[in-house]
Structure formats: structure tokens, C-alpha cells
């Protein structure tokens, strides 16, 4: 069994300006995604929607110790907006299901993790 992180980069300003109906459609798409994963034997072990990147704090090393600044790590149109951590024995099937999610999320990145995720039983 391998564990993959599914990263959801997105345009935060588009989400902020989305209507209630558009947001409901996005949440419904993620609900269908989670259900399809389960039906195919994949297991979501963690996941979350992230707050806007303006709420991020960045910690960098400085000459006198750590320096904390406000805002995202990178100034970019797209920021990390959420993630899933999924256990799977079938990467091809997982990728096919993720392919269905791109109707709601324009880009999705899937990466295997190294070792066993901390705090996940197994």
C-alpha cells in the first residue's frame, strides 16, 4: 500500500468571488470524488481545505534566528488551497479518479510520499 498526497492549487481570488451556487457545486464535486475513491478501494486518511494564503505565516532562517513574516511563501496567482492524503494499491485507478476531479479543479498534483505519514495508523 502506498500513500499519495493530492495537492489542489487554485486561484484564491476566483474562490472569493464565487457565488454560493458555484461553491456548492465545487463541494459537491469533492463529495463525489471522495465517494468514488472509497468505492474503488482507495482510503482517504487526511485532507483539508486551507484558508486563504494571506493568513499564512512564513518562517525563514535569519542571521539572528527565525524570522516570521505574513503572507504566502510564493507570490503567485495560484496557491495551495487544499489537499488529500490517500492510501492506494492502484496508482493508475487513483489517477483516473483524480482526472474526474479536474472538472472542478483545473490542476491537481499527485505525489507519492516517502515512508509512512506521521500519525496515520497502519
PDB file of N, CA and C in Angstrom:
ATOM      1  N   UNK A   1       0.852  -1.178   0.000  1.00  0.00           N
ATOM      2  CA  UNK A   1       0.000   0.000   0.000  1.00  0.00           C
ATOM      3  C   UNK A   1       0.891   1.233   0.000  1.00  0.00           C
ATOM      4  N   UNK A   2       0.648   2.132  -0.917  1.00  0.00           N
ATOM      5  CA  UNK A   2       1.388   3.390  -0.997  1.00  0.00           C
ATOM      6  C   UNK A   2       0.480   4.541  -0.577  1.00  0.00           C
ATOM      7  N   UNK A   3       1.099   5.607  -0.133  1.00  0.00           N
ATOM      8  CA  UNK A   3       0.350   6.797   0.260  1.00  0.00           C
ATOM      9  C   UNK A   3       0.731   7.943  -0.669  1.00  0.00           C
ATOM     10  N   UNK A   4      -0.283   8.661  -1.118  1.00  0.00           N
ATOM     11  CA  UNK A   4      -0.114   9.771  -2.051  1.00  0.00           C
ATOM     12  C   UNK A   4      -0.741  11.027  -1.465  1.00  0.00           C
ATOM     13  N   UNK A   5      -0.107  12.150  -1.736  1.00  0.00           N
ATOM     14  CA  UNK A   5      -0.728  13.424  -1.408  1.00  0.00           C
ATOM     15  C   UNK A   5      -1.300  13.982  -2.710  1.00  0.00           C
ATOM     16  N   UNK A   6      -2.525  14.405  -2.645  1.00  0.00           N
ATOM     17  CA  UNK A   6      -3.194  15.030  -3.782  1.00  0.00           C
ATOM     18  C   UNK A   6      -3.277  16.516  -3.445  1.00  0.00           C
ATOM     19  N   UNK A   7      -2.520  17.312  -4.184  1.00  0.00           N
ATOM     20  CA  UNK A   7      -2.415  18.742  -3.920  1.00  0.00           C
ATOM     21  C   UNK A   7      -3.356  19.507  -4.841  1.00  0.00           C
ATOM     22  N   UNK A   8      -4.046  20.474  -4.264  1.00  0.00           N
ATOM     23  CA  UNK A   8      -5.046  21.242  -5.007  1.00  0.00           C
ATOM     24  C   UNK A   8      -4.643  22.709  -5.068  1.00  0.00           C
ATOM     25  N   UNK A   9      -3.859  23.085  -6.079  1.00  0.00           N
ATOM     26  CA  UNK A   9      -3.566  24.501  -6.251  1.00  0.00           C
ATOM     27  C   UNK A   9      -4.765  25.187  -6.882  1.00  0.00           C
ATOM     28  N   UNK A  10      -4.967  26.453  -6.557  1.00  0.00           N
ATOM     29  CA  UNK A  10      -6.114  27.147  -7.139  1.00  0.00           C
ATOM     30  C   UNK A  10      -5.961  28.655  -7.068  1.00  0.00           C
ATOM     31  N   UNK A  11      -6.833  29.318  -7.782  1.00  0.00           N
ATOM     32  CA  UNK A  11      -6.874  30.772  -7.803  1.00  0.00           C
ATOM     33  C   UNK A  11      -7.769  31.240  -6.661  1.00  0.00           C
ATOM     34  N   UNK A  12      -7.174  31.786  -5.633  1.00  0.00           N
ATOM     35  CA  UNK A  12      -7.924  32.179  -4.445  1.00  0.00           C
ATOM     36  C   UNK A  12      -8.907  33.312  -4.712  1.00  0.00           C
ATOM     37  N   UNK A  13      -8.560  34.224  -5.587  1.00  0.00           N
ATOM     38  CA  UNK A  13      -9.475  35.340  -5.858  1.00  0.00           C
ATOM     39  C   UNK A  13     -10.740  34.842  -6.557  1.00  0.00           C
ATOM     40  N   UNK A  14     -10.608  33.820  -7.386  1.00  0.00           N
ATOM     41  CA  UNK A  14     -11.774  33.229  -8.029  1.00  0.00           C
ATOM     42  C   UNK A  14     -12.702  32.584  -7.016  1.00  0.00           C
ATOM     43  N   UNK A  15     -12.121  31.934  -6.015  1.00  0.00           N
ATOM     44  CA  UNK A  15     -12.923  31.308  -4.964  1.00  0.00           C
ATOM     45  C   UNK A  15     -13.637  32.367  -4.128  1.00  0.00           C
ATOM     46  N   UNK A  16     -12.931  33.453  -3.814  1.00  0.00           N
ATOM     47  CA  UNK A  16     -13.541  34.514  -3.011  1.00  0.00           C
ATOM     48  C   UNK A  16     -14.718  35.169  -3.724  1.00  0.00           C
ATOM     49  N   UNK A  17     -14.643  35.241  -5.049  1.00  0.00           N
ATOM     50  CA  UNK A  17     -15.717  35.892  -5.801  1.00  0.00           C
ATOM     51  C   UNK A  17     -16.783  34.903  -6.277  1.00  0.00           C
ATOM     52  N   UNK A  18     -16.628  33.628  -5.954  1.00  0.00           N
ATOM     53  CA  UNK A  18     -17.588  32.611  -6.384  1.00  0.00           C
ATOM     54  C   UNK A  18     -18.936  32.819  -5.696  1.00  0.00           C
ATOM     55  N   UNK A  19     -19.995  32.488  -6.411  1.00  0.00           N
ATOM     56  CA  UNK A  19     -21.341  32.552  -5.842  1.00  0.00           C
ATOM     57  C   UNK A  19     -21.559  31.359  -4.922  1.00  0.00           C
ATOM     58  N   UNK A  20     -22.611  31.433  -4.125  1.00  0.00           N
ATOM     59  CA  UNK A  20     -22.948  30.300  -3.265  1.00  0.00           C
ATOM     60  C   UNK A  20     -23.192  29.041  -4.092  1.00  0.00           C
ATOM     61  N   UNK A  21     -23.822  29.213  -5.260  1.00  0.00           N
ATOM     62  CA  UNK A  21     -24.099  28.071  -6.128  1.00  0.00           C
ATOM     63  C   UNK A  21     -22.801  27.468  -6.672  1.00  0.00           C
ATOM     64  N   UNK A  22     -21.850  28.309  -7.050  1.00  0.00           N
ATOM     65  CA  UNK A  22     -20.570  27.815  -7.550  1.00  0.00           C
ATOM     66  C   UNK A  22     -19.806  27.079  -6.455  1.00  0.00           C
ATOM     67  N   UNK A  23     -19.852  27.607  -5.252  1.00  0.00           N
ATOM     68  CA  UNK A  23     -19.187  26.941  -4.126  1.00  0.00           C
ATOM     69  C   UNK A  23     -19.852  25.608  -3.824  1.00  0.00           C
ATOM     70  N   UNK A  24     -21.181  25.579  -3.837  1.00  0.00           N
ATOM     71  CA  UNK A  24     -21.914  24.336  -3.584  1.00  0.00           C
ATOM     72  C   UNK A  24     -21.559  23.283  -4.636  1.00  0.00           C
ATOM     73  N   UNK A  25     -21.426  23.705  -5.880  1.00  0.00           N
ATOM     74  CA  UNK A  25     -21.061  22.780  -6.954  1.00  0.00           C
ATOM     75  C   UNK A  25     -19.657  22.216  -6.725  1.00  0.00           C
ATOM     76  N   UNK A  26     -18.751  23.057  -6.276  1.00  0.00           N
ATOM     77  CA  UNK A  26     -17.374  22.604  -6.005  1.00  0.00           C
ATOM     78  C   UNK A  26     -17.368  21.599  -4.850  1.00  0.00           C
ATOM     79  N   UNK A  27     -18.081  21.914  -3.774  1.00  0.00           N
ATOM     80  CA  UNK A  27     -18.131  20.977  -2.645  1.00  0.00           C
ATOM     81  C   UNK A  27     -18.786  19.663  -3.062  1.00  0.00           C
ATOM     82  N   UNK A  28     -19.811  19.727  -3.907  1.00  0.00           N
ATOM     83  CA  UNK A  28     -20.465  18.507  -4.394  1.00  0.00           C
ATOM     84  C   UNK A  28     -19.489  17.664  -5.216  1.00  0.00           C
ATOM     85  N   UNK A  29     -18.680  18.322  -6.048  1.00  0.00           N
ATOM     86  CA  UNK A  29     -17.685  17.601  -6.847  1.00  0.00           C
ATOM     87  C   UNK A  29     -16.690  16.890  -5.941  1.00  0.00           C
ATOM     88  N   UNK A  30     -16.282  17.537  -4.863  1.00  0.00           N
ATOM     89  CA  UNK A  30     -15.356  16.894  -3.928  1.00  0.00           C
ATOM     90  C   UNK A  30     -16.033  15.759  -3.173  1.00  0.00           C
ATOM     91  N   UNK A  31     -17.311  15.894  -2.879  1.00  0.00           N
ATOM     92  CA  UNK A  31     -18.051  14.806  -2.247  1.00  0.00           C
ATOM     93  C   UNK A  31     -18.115  13.578  -3.150  1.00  0.00           C
ATOM     94  N   UNK A  32     -18.384  13.809  -4.441  1.00  0.00           N
ATOM     95  CA  UNK A  32     -18.417  12.701  -5.411  1.00  0.00           C
ATOM     96  C   UNK A  32     -17.033  12.071  -5.541  1.00  0.00           C
ATOM     97  N   UNK A  33     -15.995  12.910  -5.543  1.00  0.00           N
ATOM     98  CA  UNK A  33     -14.612  12.431  -5.624  1.00  0.00           C
ATOM     99  C   UNK A  33     -14.310  11.500  -4.448  1.00  0.00           C
ATOM    100  N   UNK A  34     -14.628  11.928  -3.232  1.00  0.00           N
ATOM    101  CA  UNK A  34     -14.368  11.114  -2.041  1.00  0.00           C
ATOM    102  C   UNK A  34     -15.155   9.805  -2.098  1.00  0.00           C
ATOM    103  N   UNK A  35     -16.387   9.873  -2.542  1.00  0.00           N
ATOM    104  CA  UNK A  35     -17.214   8.670  -2.641  1.00  0.00           C
ATOM    105  C   UNK A  35     -16.642   7.696  -3.669  1.00  0.00           C
ATOM    106  N   UNK A  36     -16.212   8.213  -4.810  1.00  0.00           N
ATOM    107  CA  UNK A  36     -15.635   7.351  -5.850  1.00  0.00           C
ATOM    108  C   UNK A  36     -14.344   6.706  -5.365  1.00  0.00           C
ATOM    109  N   UNK A  37     -13.514   7.466  -4.660  1.00  0.00           N
ATOM    110  CA  UNK A  37     -12.290   6.878  -4.097  1.00  0.00           C
ATOM    111  C   UNK A  37     -12.638   5.693  -3.209  1.00  0.00           C
ATOM    112  N   UNK A  38     -13.595   5.885  -2.314  1.00  0.00           N
ATOM    113  CA  UNK A  38     -13.987   4.824  -1.396  1.00  0.00           C
ATOM    114  C   UNK A  38     -14.535   3.607  -2.147  1.00  0.00           C
ATOM    115  N   UNK A  39     -15.385   3.855  -3.143  1.00  0.00           N
ATOM    116  CA  UNK A  39     -15.970   2.758  -3.921  1.00  0.00           C
ATOM    117  C   UNK A  39     -14.909   1.933  -4.645  1.00  0.00           C
ATOM    118  N   UNK A  40     -13.774   2.575  -4.979  1.00  0.00           N
ATOM    119  CA  UNK A  40     -12.705   1.889  -5.702  1.00  0.00           C
ATOM    120  C   UNK A  40     -11.631   1.328  -4.773  1.00  0.00           C
ATOM    121  N   UNK A  41     -11.850   1.409  -3.468  1.00  0.00           N
ATOM    122  CA  UNK A  41     -10.921   0.805  -2.520  1.00  0.00           C
ATOM    123  C   UNK A  41      -9.760   1.688  -2.096  1.00  0.00           C
ATOM    124  N   UNK A  42      -9.783   2.959  -2.475  1.00  0.00           N
ATOM    125  CA  UNK A  42      -8.769   3.900  -2.004  1.00  0.00           C
ATOM    126  C   UNK A  42      -9.237   4.450  -0.657  1.00  0.00           C
ATOM    127  N   UNK A  43      -8.293   4.814   0.196  1.00  0.00           N
ATOM    128  CA  UNK A  43      -8.661   5.284   1.532  1.00  0.00           C
ATOM    129  C   UNK A  43      -8.108   6.693   1.770  1.00  0.00           C
ATOM    130  N   UNK A  44      -9.011   7.639   1.999  1.00  0.00           N
ATOM    131  CA  UNK A  44      -8.582   8.989   2.389  1.00  0.00           C
ATOM    132  C   UNK A  44      -8.237   8.929   3.867  1.00  0.00           C
ATOM    133  N   UNK A  45      -6.984   9.232   4.199  1.00  0.00           N
ATOM    134  CA  UNK A  45      -6.560   9.199   5.599  1.00  0.00           C
ATOM    135  C   UNK A  45      -6.454  10.586   6.202  1.00  0.00           C
ATOM    136  N   UNK A  46      -6.474  11.622   5.351  1.00  0.00           N
ATOM    137  CA  UNK A  46      -6.456  13.005   5.830  1.00  0.00           C
ATOM    138  C   UNK A  46      -6.798  13.910   4.652  1.00  0.00           C
ATOM    139  N   UNK A  47      -7.142  15.117   4.980  1.00  0.00           N
ATOM    140  CA  UNK A  47      -7.420  16.100   3.948  1.00  0.00           C
ATOM    141  C   UNK A  47      -8.018  17.342   4.574  1.00  0.00           C
ATOM    142  N   UNK A  48      -7.886  18.460   3.868  1.00  0.00           N
ATOM    143  CA  UNK A  48      -8.439  19.702   4.386  1.00  0.00           C
ATOM    144  C   UNK A  48      -8.457  20.771   3.306  1.00  0.00           C
ATOM    145  N   UNK A  49      -9.417  21.659   3.453  1.00  0.00           N
ATOM    146  CA  UNK A  49      -9.420  22.905   2.681  1.00  0.00           C
ATOM    147  C   UNK A  49      -8.592  23.893   3.489  1.00  0.00           C
ATOM    148  N   UNK A  50      -7.735  24.637   2.839  1.00  0.00           N
ATOM    149  CA  UNK A  50      -6.864  25.574   3.535  1.00  0.00           C
ATOM    150  C   UNK A  50      -7.427  26.992   3.482  1.00  0.00           C
ATOM    151  N   UNK A  51      -7.111  27.790   4.497  1.00  0.00           N
ATOM    152  CA  UNK A  51      -7.522  29.183   4.490  1.00  0.00           C
ATOM    153  C   UNK A  51      -6.755  29.929   3.402  1.00  0.00           C
ATOM    154  N   UNK A  52      -7.179  31.143   3.131  1.00  0.00           N
ATOM    155  CA  UNK A  52      -6.528  31.987   2.125  1.00  0.00           C
ATOM    156  C   UNK A  52      -5.050  32.174   2.491  1.00  0.00           C
ATOM    157  N   UNK A  53      -4.202  32.238   1.501  1.00  0.00           N
ATOM    158  CA  UNK A  53      -2.757  32.350   1.747  1.00  0.00           C
ATOM    159  C   UNK A  53      -2.380  33.638   2.480  1.00  0.00           C
ATOM    160  N   UNK A  54      -3.239  34.640   2.456  1.00  0.00           N
ATOM    161  CA  UNK A  54      -2.923  35.874   3.203  1.00  0.00           C
ATOM    162  C   UNK A  54      -2.898  35.609   4.705  1.00  0.00           C
ATOM    163  N   UNK A  55      -3.474  34.488   5.136  1.00  0.00           N
ATOM    164  CA  UNK A  55      -3.452  34.119   6.550  1.00  0.00           C
ATOM    165  C   UNK A  55      -2.226  33.278   6.907  1.00  0.00           C
ATOM    166  N   UNK A  56      -1.399  32.986   5.914  1.00  0.00           N
ATOM    167  CA  UNK A  56      -0.196  32.176   6.143  1.00  0.00           C
ATOM    168  C   UNK A  56       0.855  32.982   6.898  1.00  0.00           C
ATOM    169  N   UNK A  57       1.680  32.273   7.590  1.00  0.00           N
ATOM    170  CA  UNK A  57       2.873  32.842   8.211  1.00  0.00           C
ATOM    171  C   UNK A  57       4.049  32.052   7.668  1.00  0.00           C
ATOM    172  N   UNK A  58       5.078  32.765   7.256  1.00  0.00           N
ATOM    173  CA  UNK A  58       6.262  32.137   6.675  1.00  0.00           C
ATOM    174  C   UNK A  58       7.410  32.309   7.660  1.00  0.00           C
ATOM    175  N   UNK A  59       8.075  31.204   7.982  1.00  0.00           N
ATOM    176  CA  UNK A  59       9.205  31.239   8.907  1.00  0.00           C
ATOM    177  C   UNK A  59      10.459  30.961   8.095  1.00  0.00           C
ATOM    178  N   UNK A  60      11.388  31.915   8.125  1.00  0.00           N
ATOM    179  CA  UNK A  60      12.660  31.784   7.408  1.00  0.00           C
ATOM    180  C   UNK A  60      13.808  31.920   8.406  1.00  0.00           C
ATOM    181  N   UNK A  61      14.926  31.289   8.043  1.00  0.00           N
ATOM    182  CA  UNK A  61      16.117  31.446   8.862  1.00  0.00           C
ATOM    183  C   UNK A  61      16.722  32.822   8.633  1.00  0.00           C
ATOM    184  N   UNK A  62      17.141  33.450   9.692  1.00  0.00           N
ATOM    185  CA  UNK A  62      17.801  34.747   9.607  1.00  0.00           C
ATOM    186  C   UNK A  62      19.101  34.721  10.380  1.00  0.00           C
ATOM    187  N   UNK A  63      19.891  35.748  10.223  1.00  0.00           N
ATOM    188  CA  UNK A  63      21.187  35.817  10.901  1.00  0.00           C
ATOM    189  C   UNK A  63      21.038  35.745  12.418  1.00  0.00           C
ATOM    190  N   UNK A  64      19.947  36.310  12.943  1.00  0.00           N
ATOM    191  CA  UNK A  64      19.724  36.329  14.387  1.00  0.00           C
ATOM    192  C   UNK A  64      18.677  35.313  14.828  1.00  0.00           C
ATOM    193  N   UNK A  65      18.373  34.341  13.977  1.00  0.00           N
ATOM    194  CA  UNK A  65      17.372  33.332  14.312  1.00  0.00           C
ATOM    195  C   UNK A  65      16.196  33.400  13.356  1.00  0.00           C
ATOM    196  N   UNK A  66      15.145  32.643  13.632  1.00  0.00           N
ATOM    197  CA  UNK A  66      13.993  32.606  12.738  1.00  0.00           C
ATOM    198  C   UNK A  66      13.318  33.969  12.594  1.00  0.00           C
ATOM    199  N   UNK A  67      12.855  34.239  11.355  1.00  0.00           N
ATOM    200  CA  UNK A  67      12.125  35.471  11.056  1.00  0.00           C
ATOM    201  C   UNK A  67      10.756  35.057  10.533  1.00  0.00           C
ATOM    202  N   UNK A  68       9.702  35.582  11.147  1.00  0.00           N
ATOM    203  CA  UNK A  68       8.334  35.260  10.752  1.00  0.00           C
ATOM    204  C   UNK A  68       7.754  36.443   9.994  1.00  0.00           C
ATOM    205  N   UNK A  69       7.197  36.161   8.802  1.00  0.00           N
ATOM    206  CA  UNK A  69       6.547  37.204   8.010  1.00  0.00           C
ATOM    207  C   UNK A  69       5.138  36.752   7.648  1.00  0.00           C
ATOM    208  N   UNK A  70       4.304  37.709   7.290  1.00  0.00           N
ATOM    209  CA  UNK A  70       2.936  37.421   6.865  1.00  0.00           C
ATOM    210  C   UNK A  70       2.906  37.074   5.395  1.00  0.00           C
ATOM    211  N   UNK A  71       1.852  36.351   5.024  1.00  0.00           N
ATOM    212  CA  UNK A  71       1.589  36.112   3.613  1.00  0.00           C
ATOM    213  C   UNK A  71       2.138  34.815   3.103  1.00  0.00           C
ATOM    214  N   UNK A  72       1.852  34.537   1.857  1.00  0.00           N
ATOM    215  CA  UNK A  72       2.259  33.256   1.274  1.00  0.00           C
ATOM    216  C   UNK A  72       3.767  33.180   1.069  1.00  0.00           C
ATOM    217  N   UNK A  73       4.244  31.947   0.965  1.00  0.00           N
ATOM    218  CA  UNK A  73       5.654  31.694   0.694  1.00  0.00           C
ATOM    219  C   UNK A  73       6.037  32.254  -0.665  1.00  0.00           C
ATOM    220  N   UNK A  74       5.177  32.043  -1.655  1.00  0.00           N
ATOM    221  CA  UNK A  74       5.462  32.497  -3.018  1.00  0.00           C
ATOM    222  C   UNK A  74       4.335  33.410  -3.492  1.00  0.00           C
ATOM    223  N   UNK A  75       4.707  34.495  -4.130  1.00  0.00           N
ATOM    224  CA  UNK A  75       3.722  35.379  -4.747  1.00  0.00           C
ATOM    225  C   UNK A  75       3.361  34.778  -6.094  1.00  0.00           C
ATOM    226  N   UNK A  76       2.180  34.212  -6.181  1.00  0.00           N
ATOM    227  CA  UNK A  76       1.747  33.555  -7.411  1.00  0.00           C
ATOM    228  C   UNK A  76       0.231  33.657  -7.515  1.00  0.00           C
ATOM    229  N   UNK A  77      -0.272  33.559  -8.736  1.00  0.00           N
ATOM    230  CA  UNK A  77      -1.720  33.602  -8.939  1.00  0.00           C
ATOM    231  C   UNK A  77      -2.392  32.400  -8.295  1.00  0.00           C
ATOM    232  N   UNK A  78      -1.738  31.246  -8.344  1.00  0.00           N
ATOM    233  CA  UNK A  78      -2.297  30.045  -7.739  1.00  0.00           C
ATOM    234  C   UNK A  78      -1.548  29.714  -6.457  1.00  0.00           C
ATOM    235  N   UNK A  79      -2.313  29.342  -5.444  1.00  0.00           N
ATOM    236  CA  UNK A  79      -1.751  28.936  -4.162  1.00  0.00           C
ATOM    237  C   UNK A  79      -2.319  27.567  -3.813  1.00  0.00           C
ATOM    238  N   UNK A  80      -1.693  26.885  -2.879  1.00  0.00           N
ATOM    239  CA  UNK A  80      -2.213  25.607  -2.410  1.00  0.00           C
ATOM    240  C   UNK A  80      -3.498  25.886  -1.640  1.00  0.00           C
ATOM    241  N   UNK A  81      -4.608  25.303  -2.094  1.00  0.00           N
ATOM    242  CA  UNK A  81      -5.910  25.574  -1.477  1.00  0.00           C
ATOM    243  C   UNK A  81      -6.439  24.395  -0.668  1.00  0.00           C
ATOM    244  N   UNK A  82      -5.843  23.229  -0.853  1.00  0.00           N
ATOM    245  CA  UNK A  82      -6.286  22.064  -0.112  1.00  0.00           C
ATOM    246  C   UNK A  82      -5.486  20.840  -0.489  1.00  0.00           C
ATOM    247  N   UNK A  83      -5.773  19.741   0.204  1.00  0.00           N
ATOM    248  CA  UNK A  83      -5.051  18.503  -0.067  1.00  0.00           C
ATOM    249  C   UNK A  83      -5.852  17.311   0.435  1.00  0.00           C
ATOM    250  N   UNK A  84      -5.523  16.164  -0.108  1.00  0.00           N
ATOM    251  CA  UNK A  84      -5.980  14.868   0.393  1.00  0.00           C
ATOM    252  C   UNK A  84      -4.747  14.010   0.587  1.00  0.00           C
ATOM    253  N   UNK A  85      -4.756  13.151   1.574  1.00  0.00           N
ATOM    254  CA  UNK A  85      -3.747  12.123   1.763  1.00  0.00           C
ATOM    255  C   UNK A  85      -4.477  10.803   1.563  1.00  0.00           C
ATOM    256  N   UNK A  86      -4.065  10.024   0.546  1.00  0.00           N
ATOM    257  CA  UNK A  86      -4.811   8.844   0.129  1.00  0.00           C
ATOM    258  C   UNK A  86      -3.903   7.623   0.082  1.00  0.00           C
ATOM    259  N   UNK A  87      -4.367   6.540   0.677  1.00  0.00           N
ATOM    260  CA  UNK A  87      -3.678   5.254   0.566  1.00  0.00           C
ATOM    261  C   UNK A  87      -4.286   4.495  -0.595  1.00  0.00           C
ATOM    262  N   UNK A  88      -3.420   3.896  -1.423  1.00  0.00           N
ATOM    263  CA  UNK A  88      -3.899   3.196  -2.606  1.00  0.00           C
ATOM    264  C   UNK A  88      -2.928   2.101  -3.017  1.00  0.00           C
ATOM    265  N   UNK A  89      -3.497   1.032  -3.563  1.00  0.00           N
ATOM    266  CA  UNK A  89      -2.705  -0.039  -4.166  1.00  0.00           C
ATOM    267  C   UNK A  89      -2.682   0.082  -5.683  1.00  0.00           C
ATOM    268  N   UNK A  90      -3.427   1.049  -6.239  1.00  0.00           N
ATOM    269  CA  UNK A  90      -3.596   1.140  -7.688  1.00  0.00           C
ATOM    270  C   UNK A  90      -3.464   2.601  -8.141  1.00  0.00           C
ATOM    271  N   UNK A  91      -2.235   3.001  -8.440  1.00  0.00           N
ATOM    272  CA  UNK A  91      -1.993   4.382  -8.852  1.00  0.00           C
ATOM    273  C   UNK A  91      -2.738   4.736 -10.128  1.00  0.00           C
ATOM    274  N   UNK A  92      -2.792   3.833 -11.086  1.00  0.00           N
ATOM    275  CA  UNK A  92      -3.490   4.127 -12.342  1.00  0.00           C
ATOM    276  C   UNK A  92      -4.965   4.441 -12.098  1.00  0.00           C
ATOM    277  N   UNK A  93      -5.607   3.648 -11.260  1.00  0.00           N
ATOM    278  CA  UNK A  93      -7.014   3.906 -10.947  1.00  0.00           C
ATOM    279  C   UNK A  93      -7.161   5.214 -10.175  1.00  0.00           C
ATOM    280  N   UNK A  94      -6.263   5.460  -9.232  1.00  0.00           N
ATOM    281  CA  UNK A  94      -6.291   6.710  -8.481  1.00  0.00           C
ATOM    282  C   UNK A  94      -6.188   7.905  -9.421  1.00  0.00           C
ATOM    283  N   UNK A  95      -5.265   7.841 -10.377  1.00  0.00           N
ATOM    284  CA  UNK A  95      -5.095   8.938 -11.330  1.00  0.00           C
ATOM    285  C   UNK A  95      -6.332   9.115 -12.210  1.00  0.00           C
ATOM    286  N   UNK A  96      -6.974   8.021 -12.571  1.00  0.00           N
ATOM    287  CA  UNK A  96      -8.197   8.120 -13.365  1.00  0.00           C
ATOM    288  C   UNK A  96      -9.291   8.844 -12.583  1.00  0.00           C
ATOM    289  N   UNK A  97      -9.403   8.547 -11.299  1.00  0.00           N
ATOM    290  CA  UNK A  97     -10.413   9.209 -10.466  1.00  0.00           C
ATOM    291  C   UNK A  97     -10.053  10.679 -10.277  1.00  0.00           C
ATOM    292  N   UNK A  98      -8.782  10.956 -10.053  1.00  0.00           N
ATOM    293  CA  UNK A  98      -8.344  12.353  -9.941  1.00  0.00           C
ATOM    294  C   UNK A  98      -8.660  13.096 -11.233  1.00  0.00           C
ATOM    295  N   UNK A  99      -8.543  12.408 -12.362  1.00  0.00           N
ATOM    296  CA  UNK A  99      -8.881  13.017 -13.651  1.00  0.00           C
ATOM    297  C   UNK A  99     -10.317  13.498 -13.706  1.00  0.00           C
ATOM    298  N   UNK A 100     -11.216  12.823 -12.994  1.00  0.00           N
ATOM    299  CA  UNK A 100     -12.604  13.275 -12.929  1.00  0.00           C
ATOM    300  C   UNK A 100     -12.733  14.551 -12.108  1.00  0.00           C
ATOM    301  N   UNK A 101     -11.834  14.755 -11.149  1.00  0.00           N
ATOM    302  CA  UNK A 101     -11.881  15.947 -10.297  1.00  0.00           C
ATOM    303  C   UNK A 101     -11.486  17.210 -11.057  1.00  0.00           C
ATOM    304  N   UNK A 102     -10.745  17.070 -12.145  1.00  0.00           N
ATOM    305  CA  UNK A 102     -10.300  18.275 -12.857  1.00  0.00           C
ATOM    306  C   UNK A 102     -11.450  19.013 -13.544  1.00  0.00           C
ATOM    307  N   UNK A 103     -12.637  18.461 -13.516  1.00  0.00           N
ATOM    308  CA  UNK A 103     -13.788  19.241 -13.973  1.00  0.00           C
ATOM    309  C   UNK A 103     -14.096  20.349 -12.976  1.00  0.00           C
ATOM    310  N   UNK A 104     -13.723  20.145 -11.711  1.00  0.00           N
ATOM    311  CA  UNK A 104     -13.939  21.149 -10.670  1.00  0.00           C
ATOM    312  C   UNK A 104     -12.653  21.908 -10.342  1.00  0.00           C
ATOM    313  N   UNK A 105     -11.536  21.219 -10.366  1.00  0.00           N
ATOM    314  CA  UNK A 105     -10.224  21.805 -10.064  1.00  0.00           C
ATOM    315  C   UNK A 105      -9.406  21.769 -11.349  1.00  0.00           C
ATOM    316  N   UNK A 106      -8.962  22.920 -11.855  1.00  0.00           N
ATOM    317  CA  UNK A 106      -8.270  22.910 -13.148  1.00  0.00           C
ATOM    318  C   UNK A 106      -6.958  22.133 -13.158  1.00  0.00           C
ATOM    319  N   UNK A 107      -6.270  22.074 -12.025  1.00  0.00           N
ATOM    320  CA  UNK A 107      -4.997  21.362 -11.932  1.00  0.00           C
ATOM    321  C   UNK A 107      -4.978  20.609 -10.614  1.00  0.00           C
ATOM    322  N   UNK A 108      -4.546  19.367 -10.658  1.00  0.00           N
ATOM    323  CA  UNK A 108      -4.392  18.569  -9.451  1.00  0.00           C
ATOM    324  C   UNK A 108      -3.041  17.861  -9.554  1.00  0.00           C
ATOM    325  N   UNK A 109      -2.269  17.908  -8.490  1.00  0.00           N
ATOM    326  CA  UNK A 109      -0.961  17.254  -8.475  1.00  0.00           C
ATOM    327  C   UNK A 109      -1.021  16.057  -7.529  1.00  0.00           C
ATOM    328  N   UNK A 110      -0.517  14.923  -7.989  1.00  0.00           N
ATOM    329  CA  UNK A 110      -0.480  13.706  -7.186  1.00  0.00           C
ATOM    330  C   UNK A 110       0.983  13.325  -6.999  1.00  0.00           C
ATOM    331  N   UNK A 111       1.392  13.180  -5.735  1.00  0.00           N
ATOM    332  CA  UNK A 111       2.781  12.817  -5.450  1.00  0.00           C
ATOM    333  C   UNK A 111       2.831  11.743  -4.379  1.00  0.00           C
ATOM    334  N   UNK A 112       3.661  10.731  -4.587  1.00  0.00           N
ATOM    335  CA  UNK A 112       3.838   9.736  -3.525  1.00  0.00           C
ATOM    336  C   UNK A 112       4.623  10.359  -2.381  1.00  0.00           C
ATOM    337  N   UNK A 113       4.317   9.898  -1.171  1.00  0.00           N
ATOM    338  CA  UNK A 113       5.098  10.374  -0.039  1.00  0.00           C
ATOM    339  C   UNK A 113       6.161   9.339   0.270  1.00  0.00           C
ATOM    340  N   UNK A 114       7.177   9.772   0.967  1.00  0.00           N
ATOM    341  CA  UNK A 114       8.270   8.894   1.364  1.00  0.00           C
ATOM    342  C   UNK A 114       7.956   8.346   2.742  1.00  0.00           C
ATOM    343  N   UNK A 115       7.953   7.035   2.872  1.00  0.00           N
ATOM    344  CA  UNK A 115       7.694   6.417   4.162  1.00  0.00           C
ATOM    345  C   UNK A 115       6.228   6.457   4.543  1.00  0.00           C
ATOM    346  N   UNK A 116       5.955   6.306   5.796  1.00  0.00           N
ATOM    347  CA  UNK A 116       4.597   6.286   6.338  1.00  0.00           C
ATOM    348  C   UNK A 116       4.302   7.658   6.946  1.00  0.00           C
ATOM    349  N   UNK A 117       3.132   8.234   6.636  1.00  0.00           N
ATOM    350  CA  UNK A 117       2.823   9.544   7.205  1.00  0.00           C
ATOM    351  C   UNK A 117       2.710   9.489   8.734  1.00  0.00           C
ATOM    352  N   UNK A 118       3.210  10.487   9.374  1.00  0.00           N
ATOM    353  CA  UNK A 118       3.162  10.581  10.819  1.00  0.00           C
ATOM    354  C   UNK A 118       1.717  10.638  11.296  1.00  0.00           C
ATOM    355  N   UNK A 119       1.409   9.878  12.327  1.00  0.00           N
ATOM    356  CA  UNK A 119       0.081   9.909  12.920  1.00  0.00           C
ATOM    357  C   UNK A 119      -0.949   9.047  12.221  1.00  0.00           C
ATOM    358  N   UNK A 120      -0.578   8.370  11.140  1.00  0.00           N
ATOM    359  CA  UNK A 120      -1.512   7.507  10.419  1.00  0.00           C
ATOM    360  C   UNK A 120      -1.263   6.068  10.852  1.00  0.00           C
ATOM    361  N   UNK A 121      -2.286   5.407  11.402  1.00  0.00           N
ATOM    362  CA  UNK A 121      -2.080   4.027  11.870  1.00  0.00           C
ATOM    363  C   UNK A 121      -1.824   3.073  10.706  1.00  0.00           C
ATOM    364  N   UNK A 122      -1.219   1.993  10.991  1.00  0.00           N
ATOM    365  CA  UNK A 122      -1.085   1.003   9.946  1.00  0.00           C
ATOM    366  C   UNK A 122       0.123   0.199  10.021  1.00  0.00           C
TER     367      UNK A 122
END
